[in-house]
């Protein structure tokens, strides 16, 4: 079976979807409902949902969610 450039496109489509799920999770939106809606679209409509988020939803993300950093355990002496 010869290699076709279409195989690369088929491999990238799920990666776009996974990226969109990560991006929604890691960024803030104007409302919690908007964030949940984009997550549901990306999860339940896999390829099309990721592409829709890439085109329309990415612009609605406002800023990155700041998560607290875990402190390294101190060594008591």
Foldseek 3Di string as FASTA:
>chain_A
DDDDVVVVVVVVQQVLLVVQLVLLVFFDAPDPVLSVVLNCLSVVVPRVSSVCCVVPVVVRTDGTDDDDDDDDDDDDD
